[in-house]
């Protein structure tokens, strides 16, 4: 599976309830340094319950400019959450299923 196959997929809990769509992914660079960069691993997914479009990076910092775009995106993505890779039970071609007891975390990289 490639990254674009994962984006916009439905996300469901272990009971089959729709939670939203994958709108972004988070990688962690923590492997041994290579020729150009250290190895990266997929840390988890950002899920939005209201839309399948991206935050355009506004969830990553406290930057709020231009305010009109930042405000629109915050409203559109209210309730969005990050789910760790360990909380994913199954990946299909068009669906992600989370394990029972998964944790909803902030999509922000600041906390």
PDB file of N, CA and C in Angstrom:
ATOM      1  N   UNK A   1       0.845  -1.171   0.000  1.00  0.00           N
ATOM      2  CA  UNK A   1       0.000   0.000   0.000  1.00  0.00           C
ATOM      3  C   UNK A   1       0.893   1.238   0.000  1.00  0.00           C
ATOM      4  N   UNK A   2       0.516   2.236  -0.784  1.00  0.00           N
ATOM      5  CA  UNK A   2       1.236   3.502  -0.779  1.00  0.00           C
ATOM      6  C   UNK A   2       0.401   4.550  -0.048  1.00  0.00           C
ATOM      7  N   UNK A   3       1.039   5.622   0.346  1.00  0.00           N
ATOM      8  CA  UNK A   3       0.400   6.626   1.185  1.00  0.00           C
ATOM      9  C   UNK A   3      -0.899   7.155   0.578  1.00  0.00           C
ATOM     10  N   UNK A   4      -0.920   7.457  -0.686  1.00  0.00           N
ATOM     11  CA  UNK A   4      -2.140   7.998  -1.293  1.00  0.00           C
ATOM     12  C   UNK A   4      -3.296   7.008  -1.252  1.00  0.00           C
ATOM     13  N   UNK A   5      -2.993   5.714  -1.142  1.00  0.00           N
ATOM     14  CA  UNK A   5      -4.062   4.715  -0.999  1.00  0.00           C
ATOM     15  C   UNK A   5      -4.699   4.787   0.385  1.00  0.00           C
ATOM     16  N   UNK A   6      -3.971   5.280   1.357  1.00  0.00           N
ATOM     17  CA  UNK A   6      -4.446   5.347   2.734  1.00  0.00           C
ATOM     18  C   UNK A   6      -5.263   6.610   3.011  1.00  0.00           C
ATOM     19  N   UNK A   7      -4.875   7.723   2.395  1.00  0.00           N
ATOM     20  CA  UNK A   7      -5.576   8.981   2.614  1.00  0.00           C
ATOM     21  C   UNK A   7      -7.016   8.895   2.121  1.00  0.00           C
ATOM     22  N   UNK A   8      -7.919   9.482   2.877  1.00  0.00           N
ATOM     23  CA  UNK A   8      -9.358   9.533   2.609  1.00  0.00           C
ATOM     24  C   UNK A   8     -10.087   8.220   2.889  1.00  0.00           C
ATOM     25  N   UNK A   9      -9.365   7.187   3.358  1.00  0.00           N
ATOM     26  CA  UNK A   9     -10.040   5.937   3.721  1.00  0.00           C
ATOM     27  C   UNK A   9     -10.949   6.163   4.921  1.00  0.00           C
ATOM     28  N   UNK A  10     -12.033   5.412   4.978  1.00  0.00           N
ATOM     29  CA  UNK A  10     -12.914   5.425   6.139  1.00  0.00           C
ATOM     30  C   UNK A  10     -12.175   4.834   7.332  1.00  0.00           C
ATOM     31  N   UNK A  11     -12.458   5.364   8.518  1.00  0.00           N
ATOM     32  CA  UNK A  11     -11.914   4.811   9.754  1.00  0.00           C
ATOM     33  C   UNK A  11     -13.097   4.378  10.611  1.00  0.00           C
ATOM     34  N   UNK A  12     -13.046   3.134  11.065  1.00  0.00           N
ATOM     35  CA  UNK A  12     -14.130   2.581  11.886  1.00  0.00           C
ATOM     36  C   UNK A  12     -13.550   1.994  13.164  1.00  0.00           C
ATOM     37  N   UNK A  13     -14.371   1.985  14.212  1.00  0.00           N
ATOM     38  CA  UNK A  13     -13.931   1.351  15.445  1.00  0.00           C
ATOM     39  C   UNK A  13     -14.153  -0.157  15.346  1.00  0.00           C
ATOM     40  N   UNK A  14     -13.849  -0.873  16.401  1.00  0.00           N
ATOM     41  CA  UNK A  14     -13.935  -2.339  16.355  1.00  0.00           C
ATOM     42  C   UNK A  14     -15.371  -2.846  16.245  1.00  0.00           C
ATOM     43  N   UNK A  15     -16.348  -1.987  16.539  1.00  0.00           N
ATOM     44  CA  UNK A  15     -17.759  -2.354  16.393  1.00  0.00           C
ATOM     45  C   UNK A  15     -18.322  -1.964  15.033  1.00  0.00           C
ATOM     46  N   UNK A  16     -17.478  -1.390  14.172  1.00  0.00           N
ATOM     47  CA  UNK A  16     -17.903  -1.014  12.830  1.00  0.00           C
ATOM     48  C   UNK A  16     -18.478   0.383  12.713  1.00  0.00           C
ATOM     49  N   UNK A  17     -18.468   1.155  13.804  1.00  0.00           N
ATOM     50  CA  UNK A  17     -18.986   2.524  13.749  1.00  0.00           C
ATOM     51  C   UNK A  17     -18.015   3.428  13.007  1.00  0.00           C
ATOM     52  N   UNK A  18     -18.564   4.241  12.125  1.00  0.00           N
ATOM     53  CA  UNK A  18     -17.778   5.188  11.340  1.00  0.00           C
ATOM     54  C   UNK A  18     -17.265   6.310  12.245  1.00  0.00           C
ATOM     55  N   UNK A  19     -15.938   6.542  12.225  1.00  0.00           N
ATOM     56  CA  UNK A  19     -15.326   7.586  13.038  1.00  0.00           C
ATOM     57  C   UNK A  19     -14.870   8.776  12.207  1.00  0.00           C
ATOM     58  N   UNK A  20     -14.665   8.568  10.913  1.00  0.00           N
ATOM     59  CA  UNK A  20     -14.207   9.645  10.045  1.00  0.00           C
ATOM     60  C   UNK A  20     -13.366   9.109   8.903  1.00  0.00           C
ATOM     61  N   UNK A  21     -12.492   9.971   8.394  1.00  0.00           N
ATOM     62  CA  UNK A  21     -11.606   9.626   7.279  1.00  0.00           C
ATOM     63  C   UNK A  21     -10.159   9.957   7.634  1.00  0.00           C
ATOM     64  N   UNK A  22      -9.230   9.214   7.063  1.00  0.00           N
ATOM     65  CA  UNK A  22      -7.803   9.503   7.217  1.00  0.00           C
ATOM     66  C   UNK A  22      -7.501  10.771   6.431  1.00  0.00           C
ATOM     67  N   UNK A  23      -6.987  11.794   7.121  1.00  0.00           N
ATOM     68  CA  UNK A  23      -6.661  13.044   6.421  1.00  0.00           C
ATOM     69  C   UNK A  23      -5.163  13.332   6.404  1.00  0.00           C
ATOM     70  N   UNK A  24      -4.416  12.622   7.231  1.00  0.00           N
ATOM     71  CA  UNK A  24      -2.971  12.849   7.277  1.00  0.00           C
ATOM     72  C   UNK A  24      -2.321  11.677   7.997  1.00  0.00           C
ATOM     73  N   UNK A  25      -1.026  11.589   7.901  1.00  0.00           N
ATOM     74  CA  UNK A  25      -0.261  10.567   8.609  1.00  0.00           C
ATOM     75  C   UNK A  25       0.896  11.260   9.329  1.00  0.00           C
ATOM     76  N   UNK A  26       1.440  10.588  10.312  1.00  0.00           N
ATOM     77  CA  UNK A  26       2.600  11.100  11.035  1.00  0.00           C
ATOM     78  C   UNK A  26       3.713  10.073  10.948  1.00  0.00           C
ATOM     79  N   UNK A  27       4.882  10.547  10.584  1.00  0.00           N
ATOM     80  CA  UNK A  27       6.070   9.712  10.550  1.00  0.00           C
ATOM     81  C   UNK A  27       7.022  10.157  11.651  1.00  0.00           C
ATOM     82  N   UNK A  28       7.820   9.223  12.147  1.00  0.00           N
ATOM     83  CA  UNK A  28       8.870   9.502  13.120  1.00  0.00           C
ATOM     84  C   UNK A  28      10.179   9.108  12.472  1.00  0.00           C
ATOM     85  N   UNK A  29      11.138  10.009  12.508  1.00  0.00           N
ATOM     86  CA  UNK A  29      12.471   9.727  11.979  1.00  0.00           C
ATOM     87  C   UNK A  29      13.346   9.370  13.170  1.00  0.00           C
ATOM     88  N   UNK A  30      13.602   8.069  13.335  1.00  0.00           N
ATOM     89  CA  UNK A  30      14.352   7.642  14.514  1.00  0.00           C
ATOM     90  C   UNK A  30      15.293   6.469  14.254  1.00  0.00           C
ATOM     91  N   UNK A  31      15.471   6.132  13.019  1.00  0.00           N
ATOM     92  CA  UNK A  31      16.362   5.026  12.705  1.00  0.00           C
ATOM     93  C   UNK A  31      17.806   5.479  12.601  1.00  0.00           C
ATOM     94  N   UNK A  32      18.648   4.545  12.234  1.00  0.00           N
ATOM     95  CA  UNK A  32      20.068   4.856  12.054  1.00  0.00           C
ATOM     96  C   UNK A  32      20.234   5.786  10.851  1.00  0.00           C
ATOM     97  N   UNK A  33      21.115   6.771  10.975  1.00  0.00           N
ATOM     98  CA  UNK A  33      21.338   7.678   9.838  1.00  0.00           C
ATOM     99  C   UNK A  33      21.793   6.906   8.607  1.00  0.00           C
ATOM    100  N   UNK A  34      21.179   7.240   7.495  1.00  0.00           N
ATOM    101  CA  UNK A  34      21.537   6.605   6.233  1.00  0.00           C
ATOM    102  C   UNK A  34      22.331   7.555   5.369  1.00  0.00           C
ATOM    103  N   UNK A  35      22.337   7.282   4.095  1.00  0.00           N
ATOM    104  CA  UNK A  35      23.091   8.107   3.168  1.00  0.00           C
ATOM    105  C   UNK A  35      22.562   9.551   3.149  1.00  0.00           C
ATOM    106  N   UNK A  36      21.240   9.705   3.152  1.00  0.00           N
ATOM    107  CA  UNK A  36      20.643  11.037   3.117  1.00  0.00           C
ATOM    108  C   UNK A  36      19.923  11.408   4.403  1.00  0.00           C
ATOM    109  N   UNK A  37      19.252  10.434   5.014  1.00  0.00           N
ATOM    110  CA  UNK A  37      18.419  10.706   6.179  1.00  0.00           C
ATOM    111  C   UNK A  37      18.236   9.427   6.972  1.00  0.00           C
ATOM    112  N   UNK A  38      17.882   9.564   8.213  1.00  0.00           N
ATOM    113  CA  UNK A  38      17.587   8.382   9.029  1.00  0.00           C
ATOM    114  C   UNK A  38      16.299   7.735   8.548  1.00  0.00           C
ATOM    115  N   UNK A  39      16.123   6.469   8.909  1.00  0.00           N
ATOM    116  CA  UNK A  39      14.912   5.750   8.518  1.00  0.00           C
ATOM    117  C   UNK A  39      13.691   6.358   9.193  1.00  0.00           C
ATOM    118  N   UNK A  40      12.591   6.378   8.466  1.00  0.00           N
ATOM    119  CA  UNK A  40      11.324   6.887   9.005  1.00  0.00           C
ATOM    120  C   UNK A  40      10.361   5.726   9.172  1.00  0.00           C
ATOM    121  N   UNK A  41       9.508   5.832  10.207  1.00  0.00           N
ATOM    122  CA  UNK A  41       8.470   4.827  10.400  1.00  0.00           C
ATOM    123  C   UNK A  41       7.144   5.538  10.590  1.00  0.00           C
ATOM    124  N   UNK A  42       6.076   4.876  10.195  1.00  0.00           N
ATOM    125  CA  UNK A  42       4.741   5.448  10.335  1.00  0.00           C
ATOM    126  C   UNK A  42       4.327   5.385  11.797  1.00  0.00           C
ATOM    127  N   UNK A  43       4.057   6.538  12.409  1.00  0.00           N
ATOM    128  CA  UNK A  43       3.673   6.613  13.821  1.00  0.00           C
ATOM    129  C   UNK A  43       2.169   6.487  13.994  1.00  0.00           C
ATOM    130  N   UNK A  44       1.391   6.956  13.015  1.00  0.00           N
ATOM    131  CA  UNK A  44      -0.054   6.866  13.142  1.00  0.00           C
ATOM    132  C   UNK A  44      -0.775   7.723  12.124  1.00  0.00           C
ATOM    133  N   UNK A  45      -2.087   7.825  12.320  1.00  0.00           N
ATOM    134  CA  UNK A  45      -2.962   8.494  11.366  1.00  0.00           C
ATOM    135  C   UNK A  45      -3.715   9.630  12.044  1.00  0.00           C
ATOM    136  N   UNK A  46      -4.026  10.668  11.275  1.00  0.00           N
ATOM    137  CA  UNK A  46      -4.907  11.735  11.737  1.00  0.00           C
ATOM    138  C   UNK A  46      -6.266  11.495  11.085  1.00  0.00           C
ATOM    139  N   UNK A  47      -7.304  11.484  11.923  1.00  0.00           N
ATOM    140  CA  UNK A  47      -8.660  11.162  11.482  1.00  0.00           C
ATOM    141  C   UNK A  47      -9.561  12.372  11.708  1.00  0.00           C
ATOM    142  N   UNK A  48     -10.350  12.723  10.694  1.00  0.00           N
ATOM    143  CA  UNK A  48     -11.318  13.812  10.818  1.00  0.00           C
ATOM    144  C   UNK A  48     -12.730  13.253  10.698  1.00  0.00           C
ATOM    145  N   UNK A  49     -13.617  13.566  11.661  1.00  0.00           N
ATOM    146  CA  UNK A  49     -14.984  13.059  11.591  1.00  0.00           C
ATOM    147  C   UNK A  49     -15.887  13.830  10.632  1.00  0.00           C
ATOM    148  N   UNK A  50     -15.431  14.998  10.134  1.00  0.00           N
ATOM    149  CA  UNK A  50     -16.316  15.848   9.342  1.00  0.00           C
ATOM    150  C   UNK A  50     -15.929  15.997   7.882  1.00  0.00           C
ATOM    151  N   UNK A  51     -14.696  15.692   7.532  1.00  0.00           N
ATOM    152  CA  UNK A  51     -14.242  15.922   6.163  1.00  0.00           C
ATOM    153  C   UNK A  51     -13.096  14.975   5.830  1.00  0.00           C
ATOM    154  N   UNK A  52     -12.828  14.820   4.552  1.00  0.00           N
ATOM    155  CA  UNK A  52     -11.682  14.004   4.155  1.00  0.00           C
ATOM    156  C   UNK A  52     -10.565  14.869   3.578  1.00  0.00           C
ATOM    157  N   UNK A  53     -10.673  16.185   3.753  1.00  0.00           N
ATOM    158  CA  UNK A  53      -9.633  17.091   3.264  1.00  0.00           C
ATOM    159  C   UNK A  53      -8.586  17.339   4.352  1.00  0.00           C
ATOM    160  N   UNK A  54      -7.478  17.921   3.973  1.00  0.00           N
ATOM    161  CA  UNK A  54      -6.335  18.116   4.866  1.00  0.00           C
ATOM    162  C   UNK A  54      -6.463  19.365   5.734  1.00  0.00           C
ATOM    163  N   UNK A  55      -5.712  19.388   6.842  1.00  0.00           N
ATOM    164  CA  UNK A  55      -5.572  20.563   7.693  1.00  0.00           C
ATOM    165  C   UNK A  55      -4.627  21.592   7.060  1.00  0.00           C
ATOM    166  N   UNK A  56      -3.909  21.199   6.027  1.00  0.00           N
ATOM    167  CA  UNK A  56      -2.903  22.043   5.376  1.00  0.00           C
ATOM    168  C   UNK A  56      -1.795  22.457   6.344  1.00  0.00           C
ATOM    169  N   UNK A  57      -1.576  21.654   7.385  1.00  0.00           N
ATOM    170  CA  UNK A  57      -0.502  21.904   8.334  1.00  0.00           C
ATOM    171  C   UNK A  57      -0.871  22.808   9.490  1.00  0.00           C
ATOM    172  N   UNK A  58      -2.073  23.363   9.536  1.00  0.00           N
ATOM    173  CA  UNK A  58      -2.440  24.299  10.592  1.00  0.00           C
ATOM    174  C   UNK A  58      -2.587  23.644  11.964  1.00  0.00           C
ATOM    175  N   UNK A  59      -2.722  22.321  12.033  1.00  0.00           N
ATOM    176  CA  UNK A  59      -2.832  21.665  13.329  1.00  0.00           C
ATOM    177  C   UNK A  59      -1.468  21.450  13.973  1.00  0.00           C
ATOM    178  N   UNK A  60      -0.409  21.665  13.232  1.00  0.00           N
ATOM    179  CA  UNK A  60       0.933  21.326  13.705  1.00  0.00           C
ATOM    180  C   UNK A  60       1.578  22.387  14.578  1.00  0.00           C
ATOM    181  N   UNK A  61       1.120  23.618  14.505  1.00  0.00           N
ATOM    182  CA  UNK A  61       1.715  24.703  15.289  1.00  0.00           C
ATOM    183  C   UNK A  61       0.617  25.599  15.838  1.00  0.00           C
ATOM    184  N   UNK A  62       1.024  26.582  16.594  1.00  0.00           N
ATOM    185  CA  UNK A  62       0.048  27.544  17.106  1.00  0.00           C
ATOM    186  C   UNK A  62      -0.121  28.708  16.137  1.00  0.00           C
ATOM    187  N   UNK A  63       0.485  28.652  14.978  1.00  0.00           N
ATOM    188  CA  UNK A  63       0.364  29.712  13.981  1.00  0.00           C
ATOM    189  C   UNK A  63      -1.084  29.838  13.536  1.00  0.00           C
ATOM    190  N   UNK A  64      -1.598  31.037  13.525  1.00  0.00           N
ATOM    191  CA  UNK A  64      -2.996  31.278  13.184  1.00  0.00           C
ATOM    192  C   UNK A  64      -3.146  32.284  12.048  1.00  0.00           C
ATOM    193  N   UNK A  65      -2.134  32.397  11.194  1.00  0.00           N
ATOM    194  CA  UNK A  65      -2.196  33.344  10.090  1.00  0.00           C
ATOM    195  C   UNK A  65      -2.093  32.631   8.758  1.00  0.00           C
ATOM    196  N   UNK A  66      -2.773  33.039   7.757  1.00  0.00           N
ATOM    197  CA  UNK A  66      -3.841  34.019   7.801  1.00  0.00           C
ATOM    198  C   UNK A  66      -5.029  33.500   8.618  1.00  0.00           C
ATOM    199  N   UNK A  67      -5.549  34.325   9.496  1.00  0.00           N
ATOM    200  CA  UNK A  67      -6.542  33.899  10.478  1.00  0.00           C
ATOM    201  C   UNK A  67      -7.800  33.337   9.843  1.00  0.00           C
ATOM    202  N   UNK A  68      -8.220  33.881   8.708  1.00  0.00           N
ATOM    203  CA  UNK A  68      -9.456  33.405   8.081  1.00  0.00           C
ATOM    204  C   UNK A  68      -9.331  31.938   7.664  1.00  0.00           C
ATOM    205  N   UNK A  69      -8.218  31.581   7.056  1.00  0.00           N
ATOM    206  CA  UNK A  69      -7.999  30.191   6.633  1.00  0.00           C
ATOM    207  C   UNK A  69      -7.831  29.286   7.850  1.00  0.00           C
ATOM    208  N   UNK A  70      -7.030  29.738   8.820  1.00  0.00           N
ATOM    209  CA  UNK A  70      -6.809  28.931  10.030  1.00  0.00           C
ATOM    210  C   UNK A  70      -8.128  28.679  10.760  1.00  0.00           C
ATOM    211  N   UNK A  71      -8.973  29.703  10.880  1.00  0.00           N
ATOM    212  CA  UNK A  71     -10.255  29.561  11.569  1.00  0.00           C
ATOM    213  C   UNK A  71     -11.182  28.612  10.813  1.00  0.00           C
ATOM    214  N   UNK A  72     -11.248  28.752   9.516  1.00  0.00           N
ATOM    215  CA  UNK A  72     -12.079  27.868   8.690  1.00  0.00           C
ATOM    216  C   UNK A  72     -11.640  26.406   8.844  1.00  0.00           C
ATOM    217  N   UNK A  73     -10.344  26.155   8.789  1.00  0.00           N
ATOM    218  CA  UNK A  73      -9.841  24.793   8.908  1.00  0.00           C
ATOM    219  C   UNK A  73     -10.052  24.220  10.305  1.00  0.00           C
ATOM    220  N   UNK A  74      -9.885  25.037  11.344  1.00  0.00           N
ATOM    221  CA  UNK A  74     -10.145  24.557  12.705  1.00  0.00           C
ATOM    222  C   UNK A  74     -11.605  24.144  12.870  1.00  0.00           C
ATOM    223  N   UNK A  75     -12.505  24.934  12.328  1.00  0.00           N
ATOM    224  CA  UNK A  75     -13.933  24.588  12.420  1.00  0.00           C
ATOM    225  C   UNK A  75     -14.249  23.333  11.619  1.00  0.00           C
ATOM    226  N   UNK A  76     -13.693  23.248  10.433  1.00  0.00           N
ATOM    227  CA  UNK A  76     -13.963  22.104   9.558  1.00  0.00           C
ATOM    228  C   UNK A  76     -13.434  20.805  10.141  1.00  0.00           C
ATOM    229  N   UNK A  77     -12.340  20.894  10.881  1.00  0.00           N
ATOM    230  CA  UNK A  77     -11.692  19.698  11.426  1.00  0.00           C
ATOM    231  C   UNK A  77     -11.918  19.511  12.921  1.00  0.00           C
ATOM    232  N   UNK A  78     -12.929  20.164  13.471  1.00  0.00           N
ATOM    233  CA  UNK A  78     -13.213  19.987  14.898  1.00  0.00           C
ATOM    234  C   UNK A  78     -13.460  18.513  15.186  1.00  0.00           C
ATOM    235  N   UNK A  79     -12.940  18.059  16.288  1.00  0.00           N
ATOM    236  CA  UNK A  79     -13.099  16.656  16.663  1.00  0.00           C
ATOM    237  C   UNK A  79     -12.082  15.720  16.030  1.00  0.00           C
ATOM    238  N   UNK A  80     -11.159  16.255  15.244  1.00  0.00           N
ATOM    239  CA  UNK A  80     -10.134  15.408  14.623  1.00  0.00           C
ATOM    240  C   UNK A  80      -9.206  14.864  15.702  1.00  0.00           C
ATOM    241  N   UNK A  81      -8.620  13.710  15.424  1.00  0.00           N
ATOM    242  CA  UNK A  81      -7.744  13.083  16.408  1.00  0.00           C
ATOM    243  C   UNK A  81      -6.660  12.273  15.713  1.00  0.00           C
ATOM    244  N   UNK A  82      -5.594  12.034  16.481  1.00  0.00           N
ATOM    245  CA  UNK A  82      -4.480  11.189  16.038  1.00  0.00           C
ATOM    246  C   UNK A  82      -4.658   9.816  16.663  1.00  0.00           C
ATOM    247  N   UNK A  83      -4.421   8.791  15.902  1.00  0.00           N
ATOM    248  CA  UNK A  83      -4.462   7.426  16.428  1.00  0.00           C
ATOM    249  C   UNK A  83      -3.123   6.753  16.089  1.00  0.00           C
ATOM    250  N   UNK A  84      -2.494   6.174  17.100  1.00  0.00           N
ATOM    251  CA  UNK A  84      -1.176   5.558  16.927  1.00  0.00           C
ATOM    252  C   UNK A  84      -1.256   4.297  16.071  1.00  0.00           C
ATOM    253  N   UNK A  85      -0.177   3.988  15.409  1.00  0.00           N
ATOM    254  CA  UNK A  85      -0.103   2.806  14.553  1.00  0.00           C
ATOM    255  C   UNK A  85      -0.444   1.532  15.318  1.00  0.00           C
ATOM    256  N   UNK A  86      -0.052   1.457  16.584  1.00  0.00           N
ATOM    257  CA  UNK A  86      -0.338   0.280  17.408  1.00  0.00           C
ATOM    258  C   UNK A  86      -1.835   0.079  17.646  1.00  0.00           C
ATOM    259  N   UNK A  87      -2.628   1.133  17.468  1.00  0.00           N
ATOM    260  CA  UNK A  87      -4.072   1.052  17.678  1.00  0.00           C
ATOM    261  C   UNK A  87      -4.838   0.624  16.423  1.00  0.00           C
ATOM    262  N   UNK A  88      -4.133   0.376  15.349  1.00  0.00           N
ATOM    263  CA  UNK A  88      -4.782  -0.049  14.104  1.00  0.00           C
ATOM    264  C   UNK A  88      -4.839  -1.570  14.072  1.00  0.00           C
ATOM    265  N   UNK A  89      -6.055  -2.093  13.962  1.00  0.00           N
ATOM    266  CA  UNK A  89      -6.239  -3.543  13.947  1.00  0.00           C
ATOM    267  C   UNK A  89      -6.163  -4.105  12.543  1.00  0.00           C
ATOM    268  N   UNK A  90      -6.654  -3.328  11.559  1.00  0.00           N
ATOM    269  CA  UNK A  90      -6.736  -3.867  10.199  1.00  0.00           C
ATOM    270  C   UNK A  90      -6.765  -2.740   9.177  1.00  0.00           C
ATOM    271  N   UNK A  91      -6.081  -2.960   8.059  1.00  0.00           N
ATOM    272  CA  UNK A  91      -6.104  -2.048   6.918  1.00  0.00           C
ATOM    273  C   UNK A  91      -6.646  -2.799   5.713  1.00  0.00           C
ATOM    274  N   UNK A  92      -7.661  -2.253   5.087  1.00  0.00           N
ATOM    275  CA  UNK A  92      -8.170  -2.793   3.830  1.00  0.00           C
ATOM    276  C   UNK A  92      -7.927  -1.759   2.744  1.00  0.00           C
ATOM    277  N   UNK A  93      -8.376  -2.047   1.530  1.00  0.00           N
ATOM    278  CA  UNK A  93      -8.178  -1.115   0.423  1.00  0.00           C
ATOM    279  C   UNK A  93      -8.860   0.228   0.634  1.00  0.00           C
ATOM    280  N   UNK A  94      -9.978   0.257   1.336  1.00  0.00           N
ATOM    281  CA  UNK A  94     -10.722   1.502   1.496  1.00  0.00           C
ATOM    282  C   UNK A  94     -11.186   1.746   2.931  1.00  0.00           C
ATOM    283  N   UNK A  95     -10.612   1.021   3.876  1.00  0.00           N
ATOM    284  CA  UNK A  95     -11.090   1.106   5.254  1.00  0.00           C
ATOM    285  C   UNK A  95      -9.979   0.797   6.248  1.00  0.00           C
ATOM    286  N   UNK A  96     -10.009   1.509   7.373  1.00  0.00           N
ATOM    287  CA  UNK A  96      -9.098   1.274   8.487  1.00  0.00           C
ATOM    288  C   UNK A  96      -9.967   0.894   9.683  1.00  0.00           C
ATOM    289  N   UNK A  97      -9.621  -0.198  10.341  1.00  0.00           N
ATOM    290  CA  UNK A  97     -10.350  -0.607  11.543  1.00  0.00           C
ATOM    291  C   UNK A  97      -9.426  -0.482  12.743  1.00  0.00           C
ATOM    292  N   UNK A  98      -9.930   0.159  13.795  1.00  0.00           N
ATOM    293  CA  UNK A  98      -9.142   0.369  15.005  1.00  0.00           C
ATOM    294  C   UNK A  98      -9.420  -0.726  16.018  1.00  0.00           C
ATOM    295  N   UNK A  99      -8.451  -0.999  16.857  1.00  0.00           N
ATOM    296  CA  UNK A  99      -8.593  -2.052  17.859  1.00  0.00           C
ATOM    297  C   UNK A  99      -9.490  -1.570  18.998  1.00  0.00           C
ATOM    298  N   UNK A 100     -10.078  -2.488  19.742  1.00  0.00           N
ATOM    299  CA  UNK A 100     -10.869  -2.089  20.902  1.00  0.00           C
ATOM    300  C   UNK A 100      -9.982  -1.334  21.906  1.00  0.00           C
ATOM    301  N   UNK A 101     -10.490  -0.268  22.479  1.00  0.00           N
ATOM    302  CA  UNK A 101      -9.741   0.496  23.469  1.00  0.00           C
ATOM    303  C   UNK A 101      -8.703   1.442  22.898  1.00  0.00           C
ATOM    304  N   UNK A 102      -8.789   1.756  21.608  1.00  0.00           N
ATOM    305  CA  UNK A 102      -7.821   2.683  21.011  1.00  0.00           C
ATOM    306  C   UNK A 102      -7.903   4.044  21.716  1.00  0.00           C
ATOM    307  N   UNK A 103      -6.822   4.816  21.630  1.00  0.00           N
ATOM    308  CA  UNK A 103      -6.777   6.140  22.259  1.00  0.00           C
ATOM    309  C   UNK A 103      -6.857   7.242  21.219  1.00  0.00           C
ATOM    310  N   UNK A 104      -7.722   8.215  21.476  1.00  0.00           N
ATOM    311  CA  UNK A 104      -7.785   9.425  20.652  1.00  0.00           C
ATOM    312  C   UNK A 104      -6.790  10.418  21.237  1.00  0.00           C
ATOM    313  N   UNK A 105      -5.854  10.857  20.407  1.00  0.00           N
ATOM    314  CA  UNK A 105      -4.855  11.825  20.849  1.00  0.00           C
ATOM    315  C   UNK A 105      -5.014  13.105  20.040  1.00  0.00           C
ATOM    316  N   UNK A 106      -4.422  14.175  20.523  1.00  0.00           N
ATOM    317  CA  UNK A 106      -4.472  15.451  19.812  1.00  0.00           C
ATOM    318  C   UNK A 106      -3.741  15.320  18.480  1.00  0.00           C
ATOM    319  N   UNK A 107      -4.274  15.905  17.402  1.00  0.00           N
ATOM    320  CA  UNK A 107      -3.560  15.872  16.123  1.00  0.00           C
ATOM    321  C   UNK A 107      -2.400  16.857  16.081  1.00  0.00           C
ATOM    322  N   UNK A 108      -2.309  17.736  17.078  1.00  0.00           N
ATOM    323  CA  UNK A 108      -1.255  18.733  17.131  1.00  0.00           C
ATOM    324  C   UNK A 108       0.083  18.076  17.454  1.00  0.00           C
ATOM    325  N   UNK A 109       1.131  18.598  16.898  1.00  0.00           N
ATOM    326  CA  UNK A 109       2.473  18.115  17.229  1.00  0.00           C
ATOM    327  C   UNK A 109       3.032  18.826  18.451  1.00  0.00           C
ATOM    328  N   UNK A 110       2.282  19.772  19.003  1.00  0.00           N
ATOM    329  CA  UNK A 110       2.755  20.549  20.151  1.00  0.00           C
ATOM    330  C   UNK A 110       2.384  19.936  21.484  1.00  0.00           C
ATOM    331  N   UNK A 111       1.560  18.934  21.513  1.00  0.00           N
ATOM    332  CA  UNK A 111       1.180  18.423  22.828  1.00  0.00           C
ATOM    333  C   UNK A 111       0.571  17.132  22.693  1.00  0.00           C
TER     334      UNK A 111
END
